[in-house]
Amino acid sequence: MAATDTMRRQAVTSTGTAEADPTKSPARRLRYAAGRVLIYGTLILWAVICLFPIYWTVTTSFKIAPDVMRGHLIPFFDYTPQWLGWRSLGLSPDRLGEVSTVRDEFLKRFTNSAVTSLSASFLAVTLGSLAAYGLSRFSYRFGPMKNQDISFFFLSQLILPPVVLALPFLVLYKELALLDSRIGLILLYTLTVLPIVIWIMRDQFSAIPVELEEAALVDGLSVWGAFLRIILPIAAPGMVAAFILSLVLCWNEYFFAALLTSTDAKTLPVMVASQTGSQGINWWAMAALSTAAIMPLIIVAIALERYIIKGMTAGAVK
């Protein structure tokens, strides 16, 4: 009898749960499905809007002048892909074995962009992580300034437009003999992205419980030991996210690269912008250069996608 009563109660409970489930009623199921279709349709539309400029750039690199002007979109359907843009840069498959001055210049500019971006991003993440850890764990007071004021001071560096800093940096770099040098760009890019790194990493360290460090100190670790062996592994996704963001910003920077370089340290964005001439814009060559410039960032983003998502969402839920 007891077993029978238990089975009846379970049946009644399951029936009540089924009736309470909003997805079981036909009308509610229809509204639920319509809501999901609307949400996913909006996300797909937004993804198409965001990815269309990349698609346009890649397809334009395989067009000739008439196809560019007519706005053809679909390869092998409304136009036949050509290697004109890549051939003008010496990057087409049939010219890779030939000597090309333009290809050598592209490789040099690509190397400059890679060295300056990677070095500046590494320095910014290293210095920014140390500064953010200090701001999130210790109390400072410099006269009337406290931790929050110091954090705002770093973020306030983003308020100034780059054109305001153009003349001071030009005069300073001329006096220090840093014009047209990779070292000059690395130092400038580090200062540019450092506030963003501090902002991201401060939130990362604030989301980590202080009890973990206290336990490490009780076990005999020093402050540096707790930071290196306990905190950094936990904050690694955030550091990767900050590094990728810094890399993208440094890689795409054009204003200071065009202002402070001329021949030796010129970067890839400056070379892309130089495709304009007296006869107009060489769209296919510019598109081929742009495609070659964005492909490394796409590959890095795909390879480190899970770390970027973890770093951006860490600390969102406590």
Protein backbone atom coordinates (compact mmCIF):
# COMPACT_ATOMS: atom_id res chain seq x y z
CA MET A 1 0.00 0.00 0.00
CA ALA A 2 2.78 2.42 0.90
CA ALA A 3 4.49 1.74 -2.42
CA THR A 4 1.22 2.34 -4.28
CA ASP A 5 0.64 5.67 -2.52
CA THR A 6 4.18 6.75 -3.33
CA MET A 7 3.69 5.93 -7.02
CA ARG A 8 0.42 7.90 -7.08
CA ARG A 9 2.05 10.95 -5.52
CA GLN A 10 4.88 10.78 -8.06
CA ALA A 11 2.37 10.54 -10.90
CA VAL A 12 0.41 13.54 -9.58
CA THR A 13 3.64 15.53 -9.11
CA SER A 14 4.86 14.77 -12.64
CA THR A 15 1.44 15.68 -14.06
CA GLY A 16 1.44 19.00 -12.20
CA THR A 17 4.96 19.74 -13.40
CA ALA A 18 3.99 19.00 -16.99
CA GLU A 19 0.96 21.27 -16.74
CA ALA A 20 3.11 24.03 -15.19
CA ASP A 21 5.75 23.79 -17.93
CA PRO A 22 5.17 26.78 -20.23
CA THR A 23 6.45 24.83 -23.24
CA LYS A 24 3.72 22.15 -22.94
CA SER A 25 0.76 24.40 -23.79
CA PRO A 26 0.34 24.84 -27.58
CA ALA A 27 -0.09 28.62 -27.34
CA ARG A 28 2.84 29.04 -24.99
CA ARG A 29 4.94 26.67 -27.08
CA LEU A 30 4.19 28.79 -30.14
CA ARG A 31 5.14 32.01 -28.34
CA TYR A 32 8.30 30.38 -27.03
CA ALA A 33 9.28 29.20 -30.52
CA ALA A 34 8.49 32.63 -32.02
CA GLY A 35 10.66 34.30 -29.36
CA ARG A 36 13.56 31.98 -30.05
CA VAL A 37 13.26 32.53 -33.80
CA LEU A 38 13.23 36.31 -33.27
CA ILE A 39 16.29 36.21 -31.00
CA TYR A 40 18.34 33.94 -33.25
CA GLY A 41 17.19 35.79 -36.36
CA THR A 42 18.36 39.09 -34.86
CA LEU A 43 21.71 37.58 -33.87
CA ILE A 44 22.22 36.09 -37.35
CA LEU A 45 21.33 39.42 -38.98
CA TRP A 46 23.78 41.25 -36.71
CA ALA A 47 26.49 38.68 -37.49
CA VAL A 48 25.92 39.19 -41.23
CA ILE A 49 26.14 42.97 -40.82
CA CYS A 50 29.40 42.66 -38.83
CA LEU A 51 31.00 40.14 -41.20
CA PHE A 52 29.91 41.79 -44.46
CA PRO A 53 32.83 44.32 -44.56
CA ILE A 54 35.29 41.43 -44.23
CA TYR A 55 33.47 39.50 -46.97
CA TRP A 56 33.48 42.60 -49.19
CA THR A 57 37.21 43.13 -48.65
CA VAL A 58 38.12 39.51 -49.40
CA THR A 59 35.98 39.34 -52.55
CA THR A 60 37.23 42.72 -53.79
CA SER A 61 40.80 41.41 -53.72
CA PHE A 62 39.78 38.95 -56.45
CA LYS A 63 38.02 41.51 -58.68
CA ILE A 64 39.08 43.65 -61.59
CA ALA A 65 38.10 47.30 -62.07
CA PRO A 66 34.73 46.74 -63.83
CA ASP A 67 33.62 44.25 -61.17
CA VAL A 68 34.54 46.67 -58.38
CA MET A 69 32.61 49.54 -59.93
CA ARG A 70 29.52 47.44 -60.68
CA GLY A 71 29.37 46.10 -57.13
CA HIS A 72 29.34 42.39 -57.95
CA LEU A 73 29.11 40.29 -54.79
CA ILE A 74 29.04 36.55 -55.47
CA PRO A 75 32.17 34.90 -56.97
CA PHE A 76 31.61 32.49 -59.88
CA PHE A 77 28.02 33.76 -60.12
CA ASP A 78 28.11 37.38 -61.21
CA TYR A 79 31.88 37.67 -61.79
CA THR A 80 34.93 35.46 -62.32
CA PRO A 81 37.58 35.78 -59.57
CA GLN A 82 40.94 37.10 -60.74
CA TRP A 83 44.35 37.39 -59.05
CA LEU A 84 44.88 40.99 -60.20
CA GLY A 85 45.07 42.50 -56.70
CA TRP A 86 47.36 39.79 -55.36
CA ARG A 87 49.44 39.76 -58.55
CA SER A 88 50.14 43.49 -58.25
CA LEU A 89 51.62 42.80 -54.80
CA GLY A 90 53.61 39.77 -55.95
CA LEU A 91 51.53 37.51 -53.69
CA SER A 92 49.65 35.47 -56.30
CA PRO A 93 50.53 31.75 -56.65
CA ASP A 94 52.06 32.28 -60.10
CA ARG A 95 54.45 34.99 -58.83
CA LEU A 96 55.57 33.67 -55.47
CA GLY A 97 58.75 32.30 -57.03
CA GLU A 98 59.61 35.59 -58.74
CA VAL A 99 61.53 38.49 -57.26
CA SER A 100 59.09 41.23 -56.26
CA THR A 101 59.96 44.59 -54.69
CA VAL A 102 56.37 45.13 -53.58
CA ARG A 103 56.27 41.72 -51.88
CA ASP A 104 59.51 42.45 -50.06
CA GLU A 105 58.09 45.76 -48.88
CA PHE A 106 54.90 44.02 -47.73
CA LEU A 107 56.89 41.46 -45.73
CA LYS A 108 58.93 44.25 -44.14
CA ARG A 109 55.82 46.21 -43.16
CA PHE A 110 54.17 43.03 -41.92
CA THR A 111 57.22 42.28 -39.76
CA ASN A 112 57.18 45.82 -38.36
CA SER A 113 53.51 45.52 -37.43
CA ALA A 114 54.00 42.09 -35.85
CA VAL A 115 57.06 43.11 -33.80
CA THR A 116 55.62 46.39 -32.55
CA SER A 117 52.14 44.99 -31.80
CA LEU A 118 53.31 41.85 -30.02
CA SER A 119 55.98 43.67 -28.01
CA ALA A 120 53.69 46.53 -26.99
CA SER A 121 50.86 44.13 -26.07
CA PHE A 122 53.20 41.99 -23.97
CA LEU A 123 54.62 45.01 -22.13
CA ALA A 124 51.15 46.48 -21.59
CA VAL A 125 49.75 43.23 -20.18
CA THR A 126 52.78 42.76 -17.90
CA LEU A 127 52.80 46.30 -16.52
CA GLY A 128 49.03 46.60 -16.53
CA SER A 129 48.56 43.35 -14.59
CA LEU A 130 50.97 44.48 -11.88
CA ALA A 131 49.31 47.89 -11.60
CA ALA A 132 45.80 46.39 -11.61
CA TYR A 133 46.74 43.86 -8.93
CA GLY A 134 48.08 46.62 -6.70
CA LEU A 135 44.96 48.74 -7.18
CA SER A 136 42.64 45.81 -6.42
CA ARG A 137 44.47 44.48 -3.35
CA PHE A 138 46.25 47.36 -1.63
CA SER A 139 45.22 50.83 -0.46
CA TYR A 140 47.18 53.82 -1.70
CA ARG A 141 46.97 57.48 -0.89
CA PHE A 142 48.94 60.17 -2.70
CA GLY A 143 47.77 63.37 -1.11
CA PRO A 144 44.05 63.66 -1.88
CA MET A 145 44.18 60.79 -4.40
CA LYS A 146 42.95 57.32 -3.43
CA ASN A 147 42.68 54.03 -5.33
CA GLN A 148 39.57 55.06 -7.25
CA ASP A 149 41.15 58.37 -8.20
CA ILE A 150 44.29 56.61 -9.42
CA SER A 151 42.18 54.21 -11.52
CA PHE A 152 40.28 57.13 -13.02
CA PHE A 153 43.59 58.85 -13.76
CA PHE A 154 44.65 55.89 -15.89
CA LEU A 155 41.32 55.73 -17.70
CA SER A 156 41.33 59.49 -18.28
CA GLN A 157 44.28 59.04 -20.64
CA LEU A 158 41.77 57.67 -23.18
CA ILE A 159 39.85 60.95 -23.22
CA LEU A 160 42.51 62.88 -25.12
CA PRO A 161 42.23 62.51 -28.91
CA PRO A 162 45.45 61.35 -30.61
CA VAL A 163 45.76 64.55 -32.65
CA VAL A 164 46.29 66.53 -29.42
CA LEU A 165 49.36 64.43 -28.64
CA ALA A 166 50.78 64.56 -32.15
CA LEU A 167 53.01 67.63 -31.79
CA PRO A 168 54.35 66.81 -28.28
CA PHE A 169 55.29 63.27 -29.32
CA LEU A 170 56.83 64.50 -32.56
CA VAL A 171 59.05 66.98 -30.74
CA LEU A 172 59.90 64.49 -27.96
CA TYR A 173 60.78 61.68 -30.35
CA LYS A 174 62.92 64.02 -32.43
CA GLU A 175 64.93 64.99 -29.36
CA LEU A 176 65.28 61.35 -28.26
CA ALA A 177 66.16 60.11 -31.78
CA LEU A 178 63.20 57.72 -31.76
CA LEU A 179 61.61 58.83 -35.02
CA ASP A 180 61.15 56.04 -37.57
CA SER A 181 62.11 53.33 -35.09
CA ARG A 182 60.36 50.24 -33.78
CA ILE A 183 61.34 51.08 -30.20
CA GLY A 184 59.53 54.40 -30.46
CA LEU A 185 56.33 52.75 -31.71
CA ILE A 186 56.52 50.02 -29.06
CA LEU A 187 56.79 52.55 -26.24
CA LEU A 188 53.99 54.68 -27.66
CA TYR A 189 51.67 51.73 -28.26
CA THR A 190 52.33 50.45 -24.75
CA LEU A 191 51.26 53.78 -23.26
CA THR A 192 48.22 53.82 -25.54
CA VAL A 193 46.75 50.46 -24.53
CA LEU A 194 47.97 50.39 -20.92
CA PRO A 195 44.84 52.09 -19.48
CA ILE A 196 42.58 49.52 -21.15
CA VAL A 197 44.65 46.64 -19.79
CA ILE A 198 44.56 48.09 -16.26
CA TRP A 199 40.80 48.53 -16.52
CA ILE A 200 40.23 44.91 -17.63
CA MET A 201 42.68 43.31 -15.21
CA ARG A 202 41.51 45.30 -12.19
CA ASP A 203 38.04 43.77 -12.59
CA GLN A 204 39.63 40.34 -13.07
CA PHE A 205 41.63 40.53 -9.84
CA SER A 206 38.71 42.04 -7.91
CA ALA A 207 36.59 39.00 -8.82
CA ILE A 208 39.14 36.61 -7.26
CA PRO A 209 38.47 35.98 -3.53
CA VAL A 210 41.10 37.42 -1.20
CA GLU A 211 40.83 34.26 0.94
CA LEU A 212 42.87 32.35 -1.66
CA GLU A 213 45.86 34.64 -1.11
CA GLU A 214 45.41 34.58 2.65
CA ALA A 215 45.48 30.77 2.58
CA ALA A 216 48.63 30.87 0.42
CA LEU A 217 50.30 33.26 2.86
CA VAL A 218 49.40 30.95 5.75
CA ASP A 219 50.98 28.05 3.85
CA GLY A 220 54.26 29.98 3.67
CA LEU A 221 54.14 31.72 0.31
CA SER A 222 55.22 35.34 -0.03
CA VAL A 223 53.05 38.02 -1.64
CA TRP A 224 54.88 37.54 -4.93
CA GLY A 225 54.60 33.76 -4.59
CA ALA A 226 50.84 33.97 -4.03
CA PHE A 227 50.50 36.34 -6.98
CA LEU A 228 52.54 34.20 -9.38
CA ARG A 229 51.36 30.74 -8.30
CA ILE A 230 47.75 31.36 -7.28
CA ILE A 231 46.36 34.56 -8.77
CA LEU A 232 47.94 34.60 -12.22
CA PRO A 233 46.72 31.11 -13.26
CA ILE A 234 43.18 32.07 -12.27
CA ALA A 235 43.38 35.42 -14.07
CA ALA A 236 45.01 33.93 -17.20
CA PRO A 237 41.83 34.11 -19.36
CA GLY A 238 41.49 37.79 -18.55
CA MET A 239 45.13 38.39 -19.44
CA VAL A 240 44.64 36.63 -22.77
CA ALA A 241 41.56 38.77 -23.48
CA ALA A 242 43.48 41.94 -22.60
CA PHE A 243 46.41 40.80 -24.76
CA ILE A 244 44.18 40.14 -27.79
CA LEU A 245 42.43 43.49 -27.40
CA SER A 246 45.78 45.28 -27.12
CA LEU A 247 47.10 43.36 -30.13
CA VAL A 248 44.14 44.39 -32.28
CA LEU A 249 44.41 48.05 -31.26
CA CYS A 250 48.17 48.17 -31.88
CA TRP A 251 47.95 46.24 -35.14
CA ASN A 252 45.31 48.58 -36.60
CA GLU A 253 46.85 51.86 -35.34
CA TYR A 254 47.48 54.25 -38.22
CA PHE A 255 47.76 57.86 -37.01
CA PHE A 256 50.99 57.67 -35.00
CA ALA A 257 52.52 55.12 -37.37
CA ALA A 258 52.04 57.54 -40.26
CA LEU A 259 53.25 60.52 -38.20
CA LEU A 260 56.34 59.07 -36.53
CA THR A 261 57.66 56.74 -39.27
CA SER A 262 58.87 57.28 -42.80
CA THR A 263 60.79 54.31 -44.21
CA ASP A 264 62.29 51.78 -41.80
CA ALA A 265 59.54 51.37 -39.18
CA LYS A 266 56.49 51.97 -41.39
CA THR A 267 53.69 49.51 -40.51
CA LEU A 268 51.12 47.65 -42.57
CA PRO A 269 48.17 50.10 -42.10
CA VAL A 270 50.34 52.89 -43.53
CA MET A 271 51.15 50.71 -46.54
CA VAL A 272 47.45 49.95 -47.06
CA ALA A 273 46.60 53.66 -47.03
CA SER A 274 49.40 54.37 -49.55
CA GLN A 275 47.52 52.53 -52.31
CA THR A 276 45.84 55.80 -53.25
CA GLY A 277 47.53 57.67 -56.09
CA SER A 278 47.04 60.39 -58.67
CA GLN A 279 45.00 58.02 -60.84
CA GLY A 280 42.63 57.06 -58.04
CA ILE A 281 42.42 54.24 -55.52
CA ASN A 282 43.74 50.83 -56.47
CA TRP A 283 40.84 49.00 -54.83
CA TRP A 284 41.91 45.45 -55.66
CA ALA A 285 45.47 45.95 -54.38
CA MET A 286 44.19 47.73 -51.26
CA ALA A 287 41.71 44.91 -50.66
CA ALA A 288 44.42 42.28 -51.09
CA LEU A 289 46.65 44.12 -48.61
CA SER A 290 43.77 44.52 -46.17
CA THR A 291 42.92 40.82 -46.43
CA ALA A 292 46.53 39.87 -45.74
CA ALA A 293 46.55 42.29 -42.80
CA ILE A 294 43.41 41.00 -41.08
CA MET A 295 44.01 37.27 -41.58
CA PRO A 296 46.54 36.96 -38.70
CA LEU A 297 44.08 38.61 -36.31
CA ILE A 298 41.28 36.30 -37.43
CA ILE A 299 43.48 33.24 -36.93
CA VAL A 300 44.55 34.40 -33.45
CA ALA A 301 40.95 35.18 -32.48
CA ILE A 302 39.72 31.75 -33.60
CA ALA A 303 42.59 29.95 -31.87
CA LEU A 304 42.08 31.79 -28.56
CA GLU A 305 38.30 32.17 -28.71
CA ARG A 306 37.53 30.24 -25.52
CA TYR A 307 40.10 32.23 -23.54
CA ILE A 308 38.69 35.51 -24.85
CA ILE A 309 35.14 34.55 -23.82
CA LYS A 310 36.29 33.39 -20.38
CA GLY A 311 38.25 36.59 -19.87
CA MET A 312 35.40 38.85 -20.94
CA THR A 313 32.81 37.04 -18.77
CA ALA A 314 34.95 36.44 -15.70
CA GLY A 315 33.57 38.29 -12.71
CA ALA A 316 30.18 38.85 -14.36
CA VAL A 317 28.53 36.34 -12.01
CA LYS A 318 29.46 36.15 -8.34
